[in-house]
Amino acid sequence: QVQLQESGPGLVKPSQTLSLTCTVSNGSITGNNYYWSWIRQPPGKGLEWVGNIDYWGTTYYTPSLKSRTSISRDTAKNQFTLQLSSVTPEDTAIYYCNVQQYWGQGTQVTVSS
């Protein structure tokens, strides 16, 4: 089965850029017509879809975050990356990478000075 693992800093200062990487095992990010997603869960709130990148490399973002979000991929490393710029404490959340029914374990990101 597909396995996903998030990695990146757990603490980011306000106004900086959050950068997370999802490493994929037992599946190709260029195959199977999959959409590789980033999803987050702020404390005390529900899941929020941030965006995804498809098997062609086309990206889709949630409108409220689109101006600050960039998702890219490294096909050689079978990884995809989330960058969220100009972060504020409201971006504090557990960030997950996801494809189909498969989820990473999630990584806590706190935005604080």
Protein backbone atom coordinates (compact mmCIF):
# COMPACT_ATOMS: atom_id res chain seq x y z
CA GLN A 1 0.00 0.00 0.00
CA VAL A 2 1.03 3.60 -0.53
CA GLN A 3 2.91 5.17 2.35
CA LEU A 4 3.35 8.90 2.92
CA GLN A 5 5.63 10.71 5.33
CA GLU A 6 5.59 14.44 6.02
CA SER A 7 8.75 16.29 7.01
CA GLY A 8 9.63 19.88 7.75
CA PRO A 9 10.14 22.37 10.55
CA GLY A 10 7.68 22.33 13.42
CA LEU A 11 8.05 26.03 14.19
CA VAL A 12 7.84 28.89 11.73
CA LYS A 13 7.96 32.60 12.49
CA PRO A 14 5.18 34.92 11.35
CA SER A 15 5.64 36.33 7.84
CA GLN A 16 8.03 33.52 6.89
CA THR A 17 7.37 30.67 4.47
CA LEU A 18 6.26 27.27 5.68
CA SER A 19 7.80 24.44 3.68
CA LEU A 20 6.82 20.79 4.05
CA THR A 21 7.78 17.72 2.04
CA CYS A 22 5.82 14.51 1.59
CA THR A 23 7.88 11.45 0.70
CA VAL A 24 5.92 8.73 -1.07
CA SER A 25 6.67 5.01 -0.93
CA ASN A 26 5.04 2.08 -2.76
CA GLY A 27 3.47 4.41 -5.31
CA SER A 28 4.52 6.82 -8.04
CA ILE A 29 3.49 10.46 -7.93
CA THR A 30 3.36 10.41 -11.73
CA GLY A 31 1.15 7.37 -12.07
CA ASN A 32 -2.30 5.98 -11.45
CA ASN A 33 -4.23 9.20 -12.13
CA TYR A 34 -3.86 10.18 -8.49
CA TYR A 35 -4.17 13.60 -6.93
CA TRP A 36 -1.61 14.20 -4.20
CA SER A 37 -3.00 16.50 -1.55
CA TRP A 38 -2.09 18.64 1.40
CA ILE A 39 -4.72 18.90 4.10
CA ARG A 40 -4.49 20.64 7.44
CA GLN A 41 -6.32 20.69 10.73
CA PRO A 42 -6.07 23.79 12.92
CA PRO A 43 -6.45 23.26 16.65
CA GLY A 44 -10.08 22.70 17.58
CA LYS A 45 -11.24 22.81 13.96
CA GLY A 46 -12.00 20.40 11.16
CA LEU A 47 -9.93 19.29 8.22
CA GLU A 48 -9.17 21.89 5.56
CA TRP A 49 -8.03 20.96 2.07
CA VAL A 50 -5.07 23.15 1.11
CA GLY A 51 -4.39 21.96 -2.42
CA ASN A 52 -3.06 19.16 -4.58
CA ILE A 53 -0.94 18.24 -7.52
CA ASP A 54 -2.05 15.68 -10.06
CA TYR A 55 -0.18 13.02 -11.99
CA TRP A 56 0.52 15.53 -14.76
CA GLY A 57 1.93 18.07 -12.31
CA THR A 58 -1.07 20.40 -12.50
CA THR A 59 -1.83 22.13 -9.22
CA TYR A 60 -5.10 23.10 -7.57
CA TYR A 61 -5.49 25.29 -4.49
CA THR A 62 -8.24 26.25 -2.11
CA PRO A 63 -9.30 29.80 -3.03
CA SER A 64 -8.71 31.32 0.39
CA LEU A 65 -5.05 30.23 0.38
CA LYS A 66 -4.29 30.33 -3.33
CA SER A 67 -2.31 33.57 -3.28
CA ARG A 68 0.07 32.17 -0.65
CA THR A 69 0.31 28.50 -1.66
CA SER A 70 2.60 26.61 -3.97
CA ILE A 71 2.73 22.85 -4.42
CA SER A 72 5.52 21.29 -6.44
CA ARG A 73 7.03 17.87 -6.93
CA ASP A 74 10.36 16.13 -7.36
CA THR A 75 9.70 13.08 -9.50
CA ALA A 76 13.22 11.75 -9.05
CA LYS A 77 12.75 11.64 -5.28
CA ASN A 78 9.04 10.75 -5.48
CA GLN A 79 8.21 13.70 -3.24
CA PHE A 80 5.83 16.61 -3.34
CA THR A 81 6.22 19.83 -1.42
CA LEU A 82 3.98 22.48 0.10
CA GLN A 83 5.08 26.06 0.47
CA LEU A 84 2.83 28.54 2.28
CA SER A 85 4.11 32.08 2.38
CA SER A 86 3.48 35.00 4.74
CA VAL A 87 2.26 32.71 7.49
CA THR A 88 0.36 33.94 10.53
CA PRO A 89 -0.60 32.16 13.77
CA GLU A 90 -3.85 31.18 11.99
CA ASP A 91 -1.76 28.81 9.85
CA THR A 92 -0.88 26.78 12.93
CA ALA A 93 -2.18 23.27 12.28
CA ILE A 94 -1.37 19.63 11.82
CA TYR A 95 -0.48 19.23 8.17
CA TYR A 96 -1.17 15.96 6.38
CA CYS A 97 -0.31 14.65 2.95
CA ASN A 98 -2.87 12.38 1.38
CA VAL A 99 -3.73 10.37 -1.67
CA GLN A 100 -6.90 8.34 -2.06
CA GLN A 101 -7.44 6.56 1.26
CA TYR A 102 -3.83 6.88 2.32
CA TRP A 103 -2.63 9.46 4.82
CA GLY A 104 0.66 10.47 6.32
CA GLN A 105 0.86 10.60 10.09
CA GLY A 106 0.70 14.38 10.06
CA THR A 107 3.16 16.97 11.24
CA GLN A 108 2.47 19.77 13.70
CA VAL A 109 3.41 23.23 12.47
CA THR A 110 3.24 26.14 14.88
CA VAL A 111 3.54 29.73 13.71
CA SER A 112 4.93 31.82 16.52
CA SER A 113 7.64 34.35 17.15
